[in-house]
Amino acid sequence: MRGIFPMAVAVAAVAAFAQDVVQLAPDQAKVVFENDRVRVLHFNLPAHSKLPMHSHPGYVIVSFRPTHTKYTFPDGKTSEQRAKADNVIYSKGLTHASENLSDAAGESVMVEMKKPGMAEAAKTTLDPVKLDLKHYKVVIDNDEVRVLRAKYGPHEKSVMHEHPASVAVYERRPSQVYACGRHIAG
């Protein structure tokens, strides 16, 4: 029992001192949008680059390129994750360091949620998924987030629908990426 207490204190100390990734790596992580509900980050991670220990609240991340990432947690445990381009992942809040194990640069957009339980507040009457199954697909739907993927061809029009106030949008055009209406890459 005595051996467990110092380990718990050490883990808590590392987690308490984990910093904001934007402050730690401003060349690799940039804030592209922020309000009282979300913060949207754009990541550009060179091949074999590392990010030091940092924390995130609950988040959704969209990879723009295939990635192979190693995560190291405050307790020393590690995990590896591979993601395809346009892969969407949800995670509860966590503290970790990361390393791009790929021979190519990684690029992604992360939406950090500042308020828990945002999915409940996101319910709408004119739900685009119910109104337009051809163009909208639910990618993730849980108590914290609801992520939709919309795909339209040239000259296709949307049906009348609504989005809740707690929405963050990213758009990908050939060789260009937009997040929350701002051009961020390409």
C-alpha atoms as a PDB file:
ATOM      1  CA  MET A   1       0.000   0.000   0.000  1.00  0.00           C
ATOM      2  CA  ARG A   2       2.890   2.385   0.757  1.00  0.00           C
ATOM      3  CA  GLY A   3       4.258   1.897  -2.775  1.00  0.00           C
ATOM      4  CA  ILE A   4       0.964   2.881  -4.402  1.00  0.00           C
ATOM      5  CA  PHE A   5       0.645   6.283  -2.720  1.00  0.00           C
ATOM      6  CA  PRO A   6       3.848   7.868  -4.139  1.00  0.00           C
ATOM      7  CA  MET A   7       2.937   6.564  -7.608  1.00  0.00           C
ATOM      8  CA  ALA A   8      -0.538   8.121  -7.348  1.00  0.00           C
ATOM      9  CA  VAL A   9       0.967  11.432  -6.208  1.00  0.00           C
ATOM     10  CA  ALA A  10       3.460  11.375  -9.104  1.00  0.00           C
ATOM     11  CA  VAL A  11       0.708  10.693 -11.657  1.00  0.00           C
ATOM     12  CA  ALA A  12      -1.453  13.462 -10.185  1.00  0.00           C
ATOM     13  CA  ALA A  13       1.488  15.881 -10.250  1.00  0.00           C
ATOM     14  CA  VAL A  14       2.239  15.185 -13.924  1.00  0.00           C
ATOM     15  CA  ALA A  15      -1.432  15.612 -14.832  1.00  0.00           C
ATOM     16  CA  ALA A  16      -1.707  18.827 -12.832  1.00  0.00           C
ATOM     17  CA  PHE A  17       1.285  20.373 -14.603  1.00  0.00           C
ATOM     18  CA  ALA A  18       0.364  19.265 -18.128  1.00  0.00           C
ATOM     19  CA  GLN A  19       0.046  22.337 -20.280  1.00  0.00           C
ATOM     20  CA  ASP A  20      -1.904  23.620 -23.220  1.00  0.00           C
ATOM     21  CA  VAL A  21      -0.592  22.070 -26.445  1.00  0.00           C
ATOM     22  CA  VAL A  22      -0.891  25.411 -28.269  1.00  0.00           C
ATOM     23  CA  GLN A  23       1.493  27.047 -25.777  1.00  0.00           C
ATOM     24  CA  LEU A  24       3.877  24.084 -25.899  1.00  0.00           C
ATOM     25  CA  ALA A  25       3.994  23.687 -29.686  1.00  0.00           C
ATOM     26  CA  PRO A  26       2.761  26.860 -31.434  1.00  0.00           C
ATOM     27  CA  ASP A  27       4.335  25.790 -34.745  1.00  0.00           C
ATOM     28  CA  GLN A  28       2.390  22.516 -34.714  1.00  0.00           C
ATOM     29  CA  ALA A  29      -0.940  23.440 -33.043  1.00  0.00           C
ATOM     30  CA  LYS A  30      -2.925  26.588 -33.777  1.00  0.00           C
ATOM     31  CA  VAL A  31      -6.294  27.822 -32.521  1.00  0.00           C
ATOM     32  CA  VAL A  32      -8.502  28.530 -35.547  1.00  0.00           C
ATOM     33  CA  PHE A  33     -11.719  29.249 -33.643  1.00  0.00           C
ATOM     34  CA  GLU A  34     -12.811  29.591 -30.021  1.00  0.00           C
ATOM     35  CA  ASN A  35     -15.984  30.531 -28.175  1.00  0.00           C
ATOM     36  CA  ASP A  36     -17.578  29.660 -24.815  1.00  0.00           C
ATOM     37  CA  ARG A  37     -18.456  26.124 -26.018  1.00  0.00           C
ATOM     38  CA  VAL A  38     -15.585  24.885 -28.172  1.00  0.00           C
ATOM     39  CA  ARG A  39     -11.990  25.492 -29.168  1.00  0.00           C
ATOM     40  CA  VAL A  40     -10.950  24.316 -32.634  1.00  0.00           C
ATOM     41  CA  LEU A  41      -7.280  23.439 -33.170  1.00  0.00           C
ATOM     42  CA  HIS A  42      -5.452  22.790 -36.439  1.00  0.00           C
ATOM     43  CA  PHE A  43      -2.491  20.406 -36.101  1.00  0.00           C
ATOM     44  CA  ASN A  44       0.416  20.092 -38.560  1.00  0.00           C
ATOM     45  CA  LEU A  45       2.805  17.462 -37.245  1.00  0.00           C
ATOM     46  CA  PRO A  46       6.027  16.854 -39.196  1.00  0.00           C
ATOM     47  CA  ALA A  47       7.149  13.249 -39.690  1.00  0.00           C
ATOM     48  CA  HIS A  48       8.569  11.751 -36.482  1.00  0.00           C
ATOM     49  CA  SER A  49       7.755  14.872 -34.448  1.00  0.00           C
ATOM     50  CA  LYS A  50       6.784  14.796 -30.782  1.00  0.00           C
ATOM     51  CA  LEU A  51       4.424  16.817 -28.625  1.00  0.00           C
ATOM     52  CA  PRO A  52       5.250  16.987 -24.898  1.00  0.00           C
ATOM     53  CA  MET A  53       2.798  16.051 -22.146  1.00  0.00           C
ATOM     54  CA  HIS A  54      -0.373  18.145 -22.495  1.00  0.00           C
ATOM     55  CA  SER A  55      -4.081  17.954 -21.685  1.00  0.00           C
ATOM     56  CA  HIS A  56      -7.338  18.156 -23.601  1.00  0.00           C
ATOM     57  CA  PRO A  57     -10.944  18.255 -22.417  1.00  0.00           C
ATOM     58  CA  GLY A  58     -13.281  15.888 -24.295  1.00  0.00           C
ATOM     59  CA  TYR A  59     -12.715  16.249 -28.036  1.00  0.00           C
ATOM     60  CA  VAL A  60     -13.402  15.109 -31.577  1.00  0.00           C
ATOM     61  CA  ILE A  61     -10.508  14.904 -34.016  1.00  0.00           C
ATOM     62  CA  VAL A  62     -10.609  14.535 -37.801  1.00  0.00           C
ATOM     63  CA  SER A  63      -7.449  13.311 -39.546  1.00  0.00           C
ATOM     64  CA  PHE A  64      -6.788  14.749 -42.994  1.00  0.00           C
ATOM     65  CA  ARG A  65      -3.951  12.349 -43.767  1.00  0.00           C
ATOM     66  CA  PRO A  66      -3.227   8.772 -42.744  1.00  0.00           C
ATOM     67  CA  THR A  67      -1.471   8.762 -39.363  1.00  0.00           C
ATOM     68  CA  HIS A  68       0.400   6.432 -37.043  1.00  0.00           C
ATOM     69  CA  THR A  69       0.693   7.941 -33.574  1.00  0.00           C
ATOM     70  CA  LYS A  70       2.159   6.772 -30.283  1.00  0.00           C
ATOM     71  CA  TYR A  71       0.616   8.175 -27.101  1.00  0.00           C
ATOM     72  CA  THR A  72       2.341   8.186 -23.724  1.00  0.00           C
ATOM     73  CA  PHE A  73       0.201   8.742 -20.621  1.00  0.00           C
ATOM     74  CA  PRO A  74       1.212  10.184 -17.219  1.00  0.00           C
ATOM     75  CA  ASP A  75       1.443   6.681 -15.698  1.00  0.00           C
ATOM     76  CA  GLY A  76       4.031   5.702 -18.351  1.00  0.00           C
ATOM     77  CA  LYS A  77       1.687   3.429 -20.310  1.00  0.00           C
ATOM     78  CA  THR A  78       1.663   3.816 -24.084  1.00  0.00           C
ATOM     79  CA  SER A  79      -0.669   3.030 -26.947  1.00  0.00           C
ATOM     80  CA  GLU A  80      -0.408   3.303 -30.701  1.00  0.00           C
ATOM     81  CA  GLN A  81      -3.170   4.363 -33.045  1.00  0.00           C
ATOM     82  CA  ARG A  82      -3.462   4.302 -36.821  1.00  0.00           C
ATOM     83  CA  ALA A  83      -6.030   6.478 -38.549  1.00  0.00           C
ATOM     84  CA  LYS A  84      -7.022   6.789 -42.190  1.00  0.00           C
ATOM     85  CA  ALA A  85      -7.562  10.135 -43.873  1.00  0.00           C
ATOM     86  CA  ASP A  86     -10.962  11.600 -42.876  1.00  0.00           C
ATOM     87  CA  ASN A  87     -11.134   9.309 -39.845  1.00  0.00           C
ATOM     88  CA  VAL A  88     -13.182  10.810 -36.980  1.00  0.00           C
ATOM     89  CA  ILE A  89     -12.406   9.920 -33.344  1.00  0.00           C
ATOM     90  CA  TYR A  90     -14.041  11.001 -30.076  1.00  0.00           C
ATOM     91  CA  SER A  91     -12.149  10.957 -26.780  1.00  0.00           C
ATOM     92  CA  LYS A  92     -12.996  11.931 -23.248  1.00  0.00           C
ATOM     93  CA  GLY A  93     -10.618  14.426 -21.653  1.00  0.00           C
ATOM     94  CA  LEU A  94      -7.079  13.153 -21.176  1.00  0.00           C
ATOM     95  CA  THR A  95      -3.453  14.013 -20.591  1.00  0.00           C
ATOM     96  CA  HIS A  96      -0.793  12.562 -22.890  1.00  0.00           C
ATOM     97  CA  ALA A  97       2.346  13.139 -24.925  1.00  0.00           C
ATOM     98  CA  SER A  98       2.296  12.106 -28.578  1.00  0.00           C
ATOM     99  CA  GLU A  99       4.701  11.136 -31.323  1.00  0.00           C
ATOM    100  CA  ASN A 100       4.063  10.979 -35.061  1.00  0.00           C
ATOM    101  CA  LEU A 101       5.542   7.597 -36.031  1.00  0.00           C
ATOM    102  CA  SER A 102       4.800   8.153 -39.722  1.00  0.00           C
ATOM    103  CA  ASP A 103       7.356   9.026 -42.385  1.00  0.00           C
ATOM    104  CA  ALA A 104       4.905  11.705 -43.559  1.00  0.00           C
ATOM    105  CA  ALA A 105       3.474  14.797 -41.925  1.00  0.00           C
ATOM    106  CA  GLY A 106       0.171  14.468 -40.078  1.00  0.00           C
ATOM    107  CA  GLU A 107      -2.628  17.014 -40.310  1.00  0.00           C
ATOM    108  CA  SER A 108      -5.869  17.173 -38.356  1.00  0.00           C
ATOM    109  CA  VAL A 109      -8.529  19.405 -36.844  1.00  0.00           C
ATOM    110  CA  MET A 110      -9.543  18.905 -33.211  1.00  0.00           C
ATOM    111  CA  VAL A 111     -12.699  20.296 -31.617  1.00  0.00           C
ATOM    112  CA  GLU A 112     -12.245  20.527 -27.848  1.00  0.00           C
ATOM    113  CA  MET A 113     -15.510  20.739 -25.914  1.00  0.00           C
ATOM    114  CA  LYS A 114     -15.528  23.202 -23.032  1.00  0.00           C
ATOM    115  CA  LYS A 115     -18.893  22.094 -21.628  1.00  0.00           C
ATOM    116  CA  PRO A 116     -19.803  18.450 -20.971  1.00  0.00           C
ATOM    117  CA  GLY A 117     -23.030  16.989 -22.322  1.00  0.00           C
ATOM    118  CA  MET A 118     -23.187  19.140 -25.446  1.00  0.00           C
ATOM    119  CA  ALA A 119     -24.968  16.434 -27.461  1.00  0.00           C
ATOM    120  CA  GLU A 120     -28.167  16.812 -25.432  1.00  0.00           C
ATOM    121  CA  ALA A 121     -28.256  20.552 -26.126  1.00  0.00           C
ATOM    122  CA  ALA A 122     -27.655  19.844 -29.815  1.00  0.00           C
ATOM    123  CA  LYS A 123     -31.106  18.372 -30.517  1.00  0.00           C
ATOM    124  CA  THR A 124     -33.001  20.245 -33.227  1.00  0.00           C
ATOM    125  CA  THR A 125     -36.410  20.075 -34.890  1.00  0.00           C
ATOM    126  CA  LEU A 126     -35.087  20.257 -38.457  1.00  0.00           C
ATOM    127  CA  ASP A 127     -32.459  17.527 -38.074  1.00  0.00           C
ATOM    128  CA  PRO A 128     -30.480  17.289 -41.346  1.00  0.00           C
ATOM    129  CA  VAL A 129     -29.943  13.525 -40.922  1.00  0.00           C
ATOM    130  CA  LYS A 130     -33.691  12.852 -40.710  1.00  0.00           C
ATOM    131  CA  LEU A 131     -34.476  15.250 -43.546  1.00  0.00           C
ATOM    132  CA  ASP A 132     -31.700  14.332 -45.999  1.00  0.00           C
ATOM    133  CA  LEU A 133     -30.323  10.802 -45.668  1.00  0.00           C
ATOM    134  CA  LYS A 134     -28.700  11.059 -49.086  1.00  0.00           C
ATOM    135  CA  HIS A 135     -26.274  13.759 -47.954  1.00  0.00           C
ATOM    136  CA  TYR A 136     -25.944  13.388 -44.150  1.00  0.00           C
ATOM    137  CA  LYS A 137     -24.566  10.541 -42.079  1.00  0.00           C
ATOM    138  CA  VAL A 138     -24.129  10.259 -38.301  1.00  0.00           C
ATOM    139  CA  VAL A 139     -20.473   9.455 -37.605  1.00  0.00           C
ATOM    140  CA  ILE A 140     -20.504   9.629 -33.775  1.00  0.00           C
ATOM    141  CA  ASP A 141     -23.499  10.009 -31.460  1.00  0.00           C
ATOM    142  CA  ASN A 142     -23.094   9.737 -27.689  1.00  0.00           C
ATOM    143  CA  ASP A 143     -23.915  11.748 -24.535  1.00  0.00           C
ATOM    144  CA  GLU A 144     -21.105  14.205 -25.251  1.00  0.00           C
ATOM    145  CA  VAL A 145     -21.082  14.784 -29.017  1.00  0.00           C
ATOM    146  CA  ARG A 146     -22.943  14.241 -32.226  1.00  0.00           C
ATOM    147  CA  VAL A 147     -20.782  14.306 -35.333  1.00  0.00           C
ATOM    148  CA  LEU A 148     -22.316  14.442 -38.786  1.00  0.00           C
ATOM    149  CA  ARG A 149     -20.685  14.032 -42.174  1.00  0.00           C
ATOM    150  CA  ALA A 150     -22.291  15.918 -45.030  1.00  0.00           C
ATOM    151  CA  LYS A 151     -21.326  15.196 -48.606  1.00  0.00           C
ATOM    152  CA  TYR A 152     -22.650  17.143 -51.569  1.00  0.00           C
ATOM    153  CA  GLY A 153     -21.701  16.973 -55.210  1.00  0.00           C
ATOM    154  CA  PRO A 154     -21.325  19.989 -57.498  1.00  0.00           C
ATOM    155  CA  HIS A 155     -24.527  22.037 -57.833  1.00  0.00           C
ATOM    156  CA  GLU A 156     -26.468  19.905 -55.311  1.00  0.00           C
ATOM    157  CA  LYS A 157     -28.640  21.839 -52.892  1.00  0.00           C
ATOM    158  CA  SER A 158     -29.431  21.226 -49.259  1.00  0.00           C
ATOM    159  CA  VAL A 159     -32.910  20.885 -47.815  1.00  0.00           C
ATOM    160  CA  MET A 160     -33.923  23.405 -45.146  1.00  0.00           C
ATOM    161  CA  HIS A 161     -32.417  22.249 -41.854  1.00  0.00           C
ATOM    162  CA  GLU A 162     -30.942  23.687 -38.673  1.00  0.00           C
ATOM    163  CA  HIS A 163     -27.870  23.286 -36.513  1.00  0.00           C
ATOM    164  CA  PRO A 164     -27.657  23.947 -32.779  1.00  0.00           C
ATOM    165  CA  ALA A 165     -25.622  26.835 -31.417  1.00  0.00           C
ATOM    166  CA  SER A 166     -22.921  24.402 -30.255  1.00  0.00           C
ATOM    167  CA  VAL A 167     -21.798  23.421 -33.734  1.00  0.00           C
ATOM    168  CA  ALA A 168     -18.301  23.460 -35.199  1.00  0.00           C
ATOM    169  CA  VAL A 169     -17.916  22.843 -38.918  1.00  0.00           C
ATOM    170  CA  TYR A 170     -14.931  21.913 -41.018  1.00  0.00           C
ATOM    171  CA  GLU A 171     -14.980  21.786 -44.782  1.00  0.00           C
ATOM    172  CA  ARG A 172     -12.574  20.060 -47.066  1.00  0.00           C
ATOM    173  CA  ARG A 173     -12.191  21.127 -50.671  1.00  0.00           C
ATOM    174  CA  PRO A 174      -9.565  19.791 -53.059  1.00  0.00           C
ATOM    175  CA  SER A 175      -6.224  20.895 -51.561  1.00  0.00           C
ATOM    176  CA  GLN A 176      -7.895  23.315 -49.104  1.00  0.00           C
ATOM    177  CA  VAL A 177      -9.276  22.972 -45.576  1.00  0.00           C
ATOM    178  CA  TYR A 178     -11.665  25.314 -43.802  1.00  0.00           C
ATOM    179  CA  ALA A 179     -12.663  25.186 -40.120  1.00  0.00           C
ATOM    180  CA  CYS A 180     -15.512  27.288 -38.781  1.00  0.00           C
ATOM    181  CA  GLY A 181     -15.492  29.289 -42.002  1.00  0.00           C
ATOM    182  CA  ARG A 182     -11.777  30.134 -41.891  1.00  0.00           C
ATOM    183  CA  HIS A 183      -9.224  28.920 -44.449  1.00  0.00           C
ATOM    184  CA  ILE A 184      -6.595  26.958 -42.504  1.00  0.00           C
ATOM    185  CA  ALA A 185      -4.632  24.953 -45.076  1.00  0.00           C
ATOM    186  CA  GLY A 186      -3.975  24.589 -48.782  1.00  0.00           C
END
